[in-house]
Amino acid sequence: MLTAITKNGEKLCLGYDYKKESLLSLRSKEDFFCPICGESVLLKLGDHRIFHFAHKRGGACREFYDHESIYHLDGKRQLYQWLIKQNIPAVLEYFDKEIQQRPDILFKFKGKKYALEYQCSPIPEEIFSKRTKTYLENDYIPLWIIASRHLQLKQRDIDTLSNFHYLFLRSSLPGTFFIPSYCPEKQHFQLVESITPFSIKNAFTQHSFYSPDRLEISSLLTPKPQKRIYMPKWKTEMDRIIQNMIRYSDQHKKKFLLEIYNNCLNPFLLPPEIGLPVPHSILIQTPPVIWQTYVYLDLLSHKKPSDLITMQEMKEHLNRRVKRHEVVTRHLPQVSHLNPLLAVIEYLLYLTKLGILSKVGETCFQVKEKIWIPNSNRERDENMVRFNQNHGSLCKIINEN
């Protein structure tokens, strides 16, 4: 821990830069106590470790503090100094007695109260969600920052992101999502942006790096949107998902394949209008090529030109598929207010730009033409060429949104 109180009730915060000599002098004549449990704590002043306080063995609240690594201590100390240098009111290791939670840093910005949690080790999803919910219910805005060492690029623009990574997902602008991280060793922020999942764990991403003196809190909370994906690479990954689905089918994939076969569809001959990258697809864990095939089967395949697709139909379609575990939504505690139905609506809006649908009022779509399903590889290739010619650059359509 980095904070303690003296016998006189004064607080000593090691988030500031103290000279070792000054702390040695202070330690020789002062006793220190834990601000939470009141027990005596030791001031540790090693040459190769961060100055910190530690409970004595057998202390009642050692579990609350003393599992923090030096990496964690250094990280939250640097984040605290970063805020202080911007003249932002901040308190290191603030303990809120009412909710019995202690964010690494409490700070206030533009009249709002933030609880910054710098997370360096995996924690159960239930604990993460409970803390987040408690903060939100008590007028805190939670700001979870993951340690950068948990992030590893699979390829230059592809990340493998687990459910743990997605817990840190934030939204700055509508349809814009990012994961903030910090590395105390390299002393830089790393933002994972333009996150566009194409499978359960893999997503196209963009990474931005900033030193603390080049990034203000406002830019961390609302970073500018980065460029999106390159469509040919996206199509390659969609094809790979289909191939892997055939090769390594589990129970859920077999159920999907059986349904599309029963509906006279060939997974290798799906049209280019199925499997598009829409921003709010991040709310759905099921790969886009699968959930959009379900949208086609439930809302589009049986419709004729001029038929309507209502909001009620969209809701019933998604709820039914989720209830049967054919579509799985992501658990995203910091953006839990967003409805996965947004992804379905967004997909239908893309189809309006492609001339398949038209928008009728605020809650309906009307079918303009049916999606053409190829019957052979030759027809599929011809369809793709015609698709690109008729609709221009699909990449431009995607990147405009």
Protein backbone atom coordinates (compact mmCIF):
# COMPACT_ATOMS: atom_id res chain seq x y z
CA MET A 1 0.00 0.00 0.00
CA LEU A 2 1.11 3.56 -0.64
CA THR A 3 -0.79 5.45 2.05
CA ALA A 4 -0.78 5.36 5.85
CA ILE A 5 -1.70 7.63 8.73
CA THR A 6 0.42 8.77 11.65
CA LYS A 7 -0.47 8.80 15.36
CA ASN A 8 -1.66 12.37 14.91
CA GLY A 9 -4.03 11.30 12.12
CA GLU A 10 -1.98 12.90 9.35
CA LYS A 11 -1.91 11.06 6.05
CA LEU A 12 1.35 10.13 4.37
CA CYS A 13 1.02 9.40 0.65
CA LEU A 14 3.96 7.77 -1.11
CA GLY A 15 2.46 8.71 -4.45
CA TYR A 16 4.66 11.78 -4.25
CA ASP A 17 8.41 11.69 -4.88
CA TYR A 18 10.09 11.53 -1.47
CA LYS A 19 13.81 11.33 -0.88
CA LYS A 20 14.82 8.14 0.89
CA GLU A 21 16.73 10.13 3.51
CA SER A 22 13.60 12.06 4.43
CA LEU A 23 11.57 8.89 4.83
CA LEU A 24 14.33 7.22 6.87
CA SER A 25 14.28 10.16 9.23
CA LEU A 26 10.50 10.10 9.44
CA ARG A 27 10.44 6.34 10.07
CA SER A 28 12.89 6.66 12.98
CA LYS A 29 10.52 8.88 14.95
CA GLU A 30 7.04 8.07 13.68
CA ASP A 31 4.61 5.14 13.79
CA PHE A 32 2.30 4.39 10.87
CA PHE A 33 -1.14 2.83 10.76
CA CYS A 34 -3.42 1.36 8.11
CA PRO A 35 -6.16 3.87 7.17
CA ILE A 36 -8.69 1.01 6.86
CA CYS A 37 -8.15 -1.34 9.81
CA GLY A 38 -6.05 0.92 12.05
CA GLU A 39 -3.36 -1.72 12.55
CA SER A 40 0.32 -0.80 12.69
CA VAL A 41 2.10 -0.97 9.33
CA LEU A 42 5.78 -0.96 8.36
CA LEU A 43 7.38 1.59 6.03
CA LYS A 44 9.51 -0.40 3.56
CA LEU A 45 12.43 1.54 2.02
CA GLY A 46 14.37 -0.93 -0.13
CA ASP A 47 16.92 0.10 -2.74
CA HIS A 48 15.36 -1.89 -5.60
CA ARG A 49 11.69 -1.77 -4.73
CA ILE A 50 9.12 0.99 -4.53
CA PHE A 51 8.75 2.65 -1.16
CA HIS A 52 5.57 1.27 0.39
CA PHE A 53 3.76 0.31 3.57
CA ALA A 54 3.06 -3.28 4.56
CA HIS A 55 0.97 -4.93 7.26
CA LYS A 56 2.73 -7.03 9.83
CA ARG A 57 2.28 -10.78 9.60
CA GLY A 58 -1.10 -11.93 10.85
CA GLY A 59 -2.77 -8.57 10.28
CA ALA A 60 -6.55 -8.63 9.78
CA CYS A 61 -6.63 -6.79 6.45
CA ARG A 62 -3.42 -8.04 4.80
CA GLU A 63 -5.56 -9.71 2.14
CA PHE A 64 -6.99 -6.31 1.21
CA TYR A 65 -3.65 -4.76 0.32
CA ASP A 66 -0.64 -6.99 0.47
CA HIS A 67 -1.13 -9.09 -2.63
CA GLU A 68 -0.32 -6.06 -4.76
CA SER A 69 2.80 -6.54 -6.85
CA ILE A 70 5.53 -3.95 -7.25
CA TYR A 71 4.37 -3.63 -10.87
CA HIS A 72 0.91 -2.69 -9.57
CA LEU A 73 2.24 -0.28 -6.93
CA ASP A 74 4.45 1.46 -9.46
CA GLY A 75 1.65 1.64 -12.02
CA LYS A 76 -0.93 3.24 -9.77
CA ARG A 77 1.71 5.59 -8.37
CA GLN A 78 2.56 6.78 -11.89
CA LEU A 79 -1.12 7.12 -12.78
CA TYR A 80 -1.67 9.19 -9.63
CA GLN A 81 1.21 11.51 -10.51
CA TRP A 82 -0.12 11.77 -14.06
CA LEU A 83 -3.44 13.08 -12.73
CA ILE A 84 -1.84 15.44 -10.20
CA LYS A 85 0.33 17.02 -12.91
CA GLN A 86 -2.89 17.91 -14.76
CA ASN A 87 -4.21 19.64 -11.60
CA ILE A 88 -6.95 17.04 -11.27
CA PRO A 89 -8.10 16.49 -7.66
CA ALA A 90 -7.13 12.91 -6.85
CA VAL A 91 -6.82 10.67 -3.79
CA LEU A 92 -4.60 7.61 -3.82
CA GLU A 93 -6.09 4.43 -2.29
CA TYR A 94 -9.29 6.12 -1.16
CA PHE A 95 -11.46 3.82 0.97
CA ASP A 96 -15.20 4.43 0.75
CA LYS A 97 -16.63 3.08 4.01
CA GLU A 98 -20.23 3.14 2.77
CA ILE A 99 -19.62 0.77 -0.13
CA GLN A 100 -16.57 -0.95 1.41
CA GLN A 101 -14.54 -0.50 -1.77
CA ARG A 102 -11.17 1.08 -2.33
CA PRO A 103 -10.39 2.28 -5.85
CA ASP A 104 -6.70 2.66 -6.57
CA ILE A 105 -7.37 6.34 -7.27
CA LEU A 106 -10.41 8.51 -6.69
CA PHE A 107 -10.46 11.63 -8.86
CA LYS A 108 -12.90 14.29 -9.99
CA PHE A 109 -13.13 15.61 -13.52
CA LYS A 110 -15.70 18.01 -14.98
CA GLY A 111 -17.91 17.66 -11.91
CA LYS A 112 -17.98 13.85 -12.04
CA LYS A 113 -16.48 11.35 -9.62
CA TYR A 114 -14.27 8.60 -11.05
CA ALA A 115 -12.99 5.38 -9.49
CA LEU A 116 -9.78 4.37 -11.27
CA GLU A 117 -8.87 0.69 -10.90
CA TYR A 118 -5.50 -0.40 -12.27
CA GLN A 119 -5.78 -4.17 -12.70
CA CYS A 120 -2.58 -6.19 -13.03
CA SER A 121 -3.83 -9.70 -12.32
CA PRO A 122 -6.88 -11.62 -13.54
CA ILE A 123 -9.89 -11.51 -11.23
CA PRO A 124 -13.17 -13.42 -11.50
CA GLU A 125 -15.76 -11.85 -13.76
CA GLU A 126 -18.26 -11.85 -10.88
CA ILE A 127 -16.00 -9.69 -8.71
CA PHE A 128 -15.25 -7.29 -11.57
CA SER A 129 -18.97 -6.92 -12.31
CA LYS A 130 -19.93 -6.49 -8.65
CA ARG A 131 -17.36 -3.73 -8.10
CA THR A 132 -18.39 -1.98 -11.29
CA LYS A 133 -22.09 -2.18 -10.44
CA THR A 134 -21.45 -0.85 -6.92
CA TYR A 135 -19.50 2.10 -8.29
CA LEU A 136 -22.23 2.94 -10.78
CA GLU A 137 -24.97 2.68 -8.13
CA ASN A 138 -23.06 5.14 -5.92
CA ASP A 139 -22.41 7.86 -8.50
CA TYR A 140 -18.89 6.80 -9.45
CA ILE A 141 -17.79 6.40 -13.05
CA PRO A 142 -15.57 3.30 -13.03
CA LEU A 143 -12.38 3.56 -15.07
CA TRP A 144 -10.71 0.17 -15.26
CA ILE A 145 -7.22 0.19 -16.79
CA ILE A 146 -5.59 -3.14 -17.58
CA ALA A 147 -1.84 -3.70 -17.24
CA SER A 148 -0.27 -3.66 -20.71
CA ARG A 149 1.56 -6.92 -20.11
CA HIS A 150 -1.81 -8.68 -20.50
CA LEU A 151 -2.07 -7.48 -24.12
CA GLN A 152 -0.36 -9.43 -26.88
CA LEU A 153 -0.86 -8.88 -30.59
CA LYS A 154 -1.50 -12.09 -32.54
CA GLN A 155 -0.64 -10.32 -35.80
CA ARG A 156 0.05 -6.71 -36.67
CA ASP A 157 -3.63 -5.74 -36.67
CA ILE A 158 -5.24 -8.76 -34.99
CA ASP A 159 -5.59 -9.29 -31.24
CA THR A 160 -6.64 -12.34 -29.29
CA LEU A 161 -8.97 -10.96 -26.63
CA SER A 162 -10.40 -13.11 -23.83
CA ASN A 163 -13.53 -12.49 -21.78
CA PHE A 164 -11.23 -10.93 -19.17
CA HIS A 165 -9.93 -8.37 -21.70
CA TYR A 166 -13.47 -7.46 -22.76
CA LEU A 167 -14.37 -6.55 -19.17
CA PHE A 168 -12.22 -3.42 -19.64
CA LEU A 169 -14.08 -2.33 -22.78
CA ARG A 170 -15.25 1.29 -22.76
CA SER A 171 -17.26 3.37 -25.21
CA SER A 172 -16.32 6.97 -26.00
CA LEU A 173 -18.59 7.83 -28.93
CA PRO A 174 -21.55 5.82 -30.27
CA GLY A 175 -20.16 2.70 -31.93
CA THR A 176 -16.59 3.49 -30.83
CA PHE A 177 -15.02 1.07 -28.37
CA PHE A 178 -11.59 0.82 -26.79
CA ILE A 179 -9.61 -0.85 -24.01
CA PRO A 180 -7.22 1.38 -22.00
CA SER A 181 -3.99 -0.04 -20.60
CA TYR A 182 -0.83 1.22 -18.95
CA CYS A 183 2.73 -0.07 -18.60
CA PRO A 184 4.76 1.31 -15.66
CA GLU A 185 7.99 -0.23 -16.98
CA LYS A 186 7.82 1.50 -20.35
CA GLN A 187 5.83 4.37 -18.86
CA HIS A 188 3.25 4.61 -21.60
CA PHE A 189 -0.46 4.22 -22.19
CA GLN A 190 -1.59 1.69 -24.75
CA LEU A 191 -5.09 2.03 -26.20
CA VAL A 192 -6.64 -0.90 -28.06
CA GLU A 193 -9.04 0.77 -30.49
CA SER A 194 -11.25 0.06 -33.51
CA ILE A 195 -12.03 -3.34 -32.01
CA THR A 196 -13.93 -5.37 -34.61
CA PRO A 197 -14.37 -9.01 -33.54
CA PHE A 198 -14.57 -11.63 -36.29
CA SER A 199 -14.61 -14.67 -33.98
CA ILE A 200 -15.17 -15.39 -30.30
CA LYS A 201 -11.60 -14.44 -29.34
CA ASN A 202 -10.01 -12.74 -32.36
CA ALA A 203 -10.59 -9.17 -33.47
CA PHE A 204 -9.13 -6.61 -35.82
CA THR A 205 -7.69 -3.79 -33.73
CA GLN A 206 -5.56 -0.66 -33.82
CA HIS A 207 -3.03 0.12 -31.08
CA SER A 208 -2.04 3.64 -30.04
CA PHE A 209 0.79 4.45 -27.63
CA TYR A 210 1.16 7.63 -25.60
CA SER A 211 3.62 8.81 -22.98
CA PRO A 212 1.87 10.30 -19.90
CA ASP A 213 3.04 13.82 -20.75
CA ARG A 214 1.39 13.56 -24.19
CA LEU A 215 -1.99 12.24 -23.08
CA GLU A 216 -4.53 14.19 -21.06
CA ILE A 217 -7.34 12.61 -19.08
CA SER A 218 -9.94 13.92 -21.55
CA SER A 219 -8.18 12.09 -24.41
CA LEU A 220 -8.06 8.87 -22.39
CA LEU A 221 -11.78 9.05 -21.60
CA THR A 222 -12.80 9.97 -25.16
CA PRO A 223 -10.04 9.03 -27.62
CA LYS A 224 -10.47 10.01 -31.25
CA PRO A 225 -11.79 7.18 -33.46
CA GLN A 226 -9.06 5.36 -35.38
CA LYS A 227 -9.26 3.90 -38.87
CA ARG A 228 -11.20 0.72 -39.35
CA ILE A 229 -10.40 -2.54 -41.05
CA TYR A 230 -9.32 -3.47 -44.56
CA MET A 231 -12.21 -5.40 -46.12
CA PRO A 232 -10.23 -8.02 -48.12
CA LYS A 233 -8.56 -9.15 -44.87
CA TRP A 234 -11.94 -9.27 -43.19
CA LYS A 235 -13.32 -11.48 -45.99
CA THR A 236 -10.31 -13.79 -45.63
CA GLU A 237 -11.06 -14.27 -41.94
CA MET A 238 -14.76 -14.92 -42.65
CA ASP A 239 -13.77 -17.67 -45.10
CA ARG A 240 -11.36 -19.14 -42.54
CA ILE A 241 -14.10 -19.27 -39.90
CA ILE A 242 -16.33 -21.25 -42.27
CA GLN A 243 -13.50 -23.65 -43.09
CA ASN A 244 -12.68 -24.20 -39.42
CA MET A 245 -16.35 -24.67 -38.66
CA ILE A 246 -16.53 -27.57 -41.08
CA ARG A 247 -13.24 -29.01 -39.91
CA TYR A 248 -13.63 -28.67 -36.15
CA SER A 249 -17.35 -28.70 -35.45
CA ASP A 250 -18.59 -28.75 -31.87
CA GLN A 251 -22.20 -29.18 -30.83
CA HIS A 252 -23.17 -25.54 -31.42
CA LYS A 253 -21.46 -25.36 -34.82
CA LYS A 254 -23.07 -28.61 -35.91
CA LYS A 255 -26.45 -27.18 -34.95
CA PHE A 256 -25.74 -24.08 -37.03
CA LEU A 257 -24.57 -26.12 -40.02
CA LEU A 258 -27.60 -28.42 -39.81
CA GLU A 259 -29.95 -25.45 -39.81
CA ILE A 260 -28.43 -23.78 -42.85
CA TYR A 261 -28.30 -27.10 -44.74
CA ASN A 262 -32.00 -27.61 -43.95
CA ASN A 263 -32.59 -24.16 -45.43
CA CYS A 264 -30.74 -25.09 -48.63
CA LEU A 265 -27.70 -22.95 -47.85
CA ASN A 266 -24.10 -23.96 -48.41
CA PRO A 267 -21.68 -22.43 -45.86
CA PHE A 268 -19.06 -22.03 -48.62
CA LEU A 269 -21.52 -20.19 -50.86
CA LEU A 270 -22.86 -17.55 -48.52
CA PRO A 271 -23.35 -14.20 -50.29
CA PRO A 272 -21.08 -11.20 -49.53
CA GLU A 273 -24.00 -9.44 -47.81
CA ILE A 274 -23.71 -11.94 -44.92
CA GLY A 275 -20.81 -11.47 -42.53
CA LEU A 276 -20.26 -7.69 -42.52
CA PRO A 277 -18.32 -5.86 -39.78
CA VAL A 278 -20.72 -3.59 -37.91
CA PRO A 279 -19.47 -1.53 -34.93
CA HIS A 280 -21.93 -2.84 -32.33
CA SER A 281 -21.20 -6.44 -33.31
CA ILE A 282 -18.76 -6.24 -30.40
CA LEU A 283 -21.79 -6.70 -28.12
CA ILE A 284 -22.26 -10.21 -29.57
CA GLN A 285 -19.76 -12.97 -28.92
CA THR A 286 -21.05 -15.18 -31.75
CA PRO A 287 -19.05 -14.55 -34.98
CA PRO A 288 -20.76 -12.07 -37.36
CA VAL A 289 -20.98 -14.60 -40.19
CA ILE A 290 -23.10 -16.83 -37.94
CA TRP A 291 -25.42 -14.30 -36.30
CA GLN A 292 -25.98 -12.49 -39.61
CA THR A 293 -26.87 -15.81 -41.25
CA TYR A 294 -29.51 -16.18 -38.55
CA VAL A 295 -30.76 -12.66 -39.34
CA TYR A 296 -31.03 -13.68 -42.98
CA LEU A 297 -32.94 -16.88 -42.14
CA ASP A 298 -35.29 -15.23 -39.60
CA LEU A 299 -35.93 -11.81 -41.12
CA LEU A 300 -34.98 -11.80 -44.79
CA SER A 301 -35.14 -15.17 -46.55
CA HIS A 302 -38.95 -15.51 -46.52
CA LYS A 303 -39.64 -11.85 -47.31
CA LYS A 304 -40.65 -10.55 -50.73
CA PRO A 305 -39.95 -7.08 -52.16
CA SER A 306 -42.13 -4.46 -50.42
CA ASP A 307 -42.51 -6.63 -47.28
CA LEU A 308 -41.72 -4.96 -43.95
CA ILE A 309 -39.34 -5.93 -41.16
CA THR A 310 -40.55 -4.48 -37.87
CA MET A 311 -38.67 -3.70 -34.69
CA GLN A 312 -40.80 -6.28 -32.90
CA GLU A 313 -39.62 -8.95 -35.36
CA MET A 314 -36.00 -7.96 -34.76
CA LYS A 315 -36.41 -8.21 -30.98
CA GLU A 316 -38.20 -11.56 -31.17
CA HIS A 317 -35.54 -12.94 -33.52
CA LEU A 318 -32.64 -11.95 -31.26
CA ASN A 319 -34.35 -12.97 -28.00
CA ARG A 320 -35.24 -16.38 -29.41
CA ARG A 321 -31.72 -17.06 -30.66
CA VAL A 322 -30.17 -15.89 -27.38
CA LYS A 323 -32.58 -18.00 -25.32
CA ARG A 324 -31.61 -21.08 -27.35
CA HIS A 325 -27.89 -20.20 -26.96
CA GLU A 326 -27.51 -19.97 -30.74
CA VAL A 327 -26.43 -16.34 -30.35
CA VAL A 328 -24.29 -15.50 -27.32
CA THR A 329 -23.95 -11.91 -26.14
CA ARG A 330 -20.83 -10.54 -24.43
CA HIS A 331 -20.77 -9.56 -20.77
CA LEU A 332 -19.46 -5.98 -20.82
CA PRO A 333 -19.93 -4.39 -17.36
CA GLN A 334 -18.81 -0.87 -18.36
CA VAL A 335 -21.17 -0.66 -21.37
CA SER A 336 -23.99 -2.81 -19.99
CA HIS A 337 -26.51 -0.13 -21.00
CA LEU A 338 -26.00 -0.99 -24.67
CA ASN A 339 -28.46 -3.48 -26.17
CA PRO A 340 -27.07 -6.15 -28.57
CA LEU A 341 -30.11 -5.41 -30.75
CA LEU A 342 -28.10 -2.38 -31.89
CA ALA A 343 -25.87 -4.74 -33.88
CA VAL A 344 -28.87 -6.21 -35.73
CA ILE A 345 -30.25 -2.75 -36.50
CA GLU A 346 -26.82 -1.61 -37.67
CA TYR A 347 -26.55 -4.61 -39.97
CA LEU A 348 -29.93 -3.84 -41.53
CA LEU A 349 -28.86 -0.23 -41.98
CA TYR A 350 -25.80 -1.48 -43.89
CA LEU A 351 -28.14 -3.47 -46.12
CA THR A 352 -30.03 -0.24 -46.87
CA LYS A 353 -26.77 1.29 -48.12
CA LEU A 354 -26.30 -1.77 -50.29
CA GLY A 355 -29.78 -1.36 -51.79
CA ILE A 356 -31.25 -4.53 -50.24
CA LEU A 357 -33.53 -2.68 -47.82
CA SER A 358 -34.96 0.80 -47.35
CA LYS A 359 -35.73 2.51 -44.05
CA VAL A 360 -39.39 3.19 -43.25
CA GLY A 361 -39.82 5.58 -40.36
CA GLU A 362 -37.87 4.94 -37.15
CA THR A 363 -38.84 1.33 -36.49
CA CYS A 364 -39.25 -0.47 -39.82
CA PHE A 365 -37.30 -1.62 -42.85
CA GLN A 366 -38.78 -2.52 -46.23
CA VAL A 367 -37.36 -5.15 -48.57
CA LYS A 368 -36.30 -3.68 -51.93
CA GLU A 369 -34.70 -6.78 -53.40
CA LYS A 370 -33.85 -10.26 -52.18
CA ILE A 371 -30.29 -11.27 -51.39
CA TRP A 372 -29.13 -13.52 -54.20
CA ILE A 373 -27.75 -16.89 -53.05
CA PRO A 374 -25.16 -18.46 -55.39
CA ASN A 375 -25.35 -22.16 -56.23
CA SER A 376 -21.75 -22.78 -57.27
CA ASN A 377 -18.24 -21.44 -56.77
CA ARG A 378 -18.43 -19.81 -60.17
CA GLU A 379 -21.68 -18.05 -59.28
CA ARG A 380 -20.20 -17.03 -55.93
CA ASP A 381 -17.18 -15.42 -57.61
CA GLU A 382 -19.41 -13.72 -60.19
CA ASN A 383 -21.65 -12.53 -57.37
CA MET A 384 -18.68 -11.02 -55.53
CA VAL A 385 -17.51 -9.18 -58.64
CA ARG A 386 -21.03 -7.89 -59.31
CA PHE A 387 -21.43 -6.94 -55.66
CA ASN A 388 -18.26 -4.82 -55.70
CA GLN A 389 -19.14 -3.22 -59.03
CA ASN A 390 -22.73 -2.39 -58.12
CA HIS A 391 -22.07 -1.13 -54.64
CA GLY A 392 -18.68 0.48 -55.07
CA SER A 393 -16.05 0.04 -52.41
CA LEU A 394 -17.49 -1.94 -49.53
CA CYS A 395 -14.48 -0.80 -47.53
CA LYS A 396 -15.64 2.81 -47.93
CA ILE A 397 -19.14 1.96 -46.74
CA ILE A 398 -17.84 0.20 -43.66
CA ASN A 399 -15.29 2.87 -42.78
CA GLU A 400 -17.81 5.69 -43.06
CA ASN A 401 -19.68 4.29 -40.06
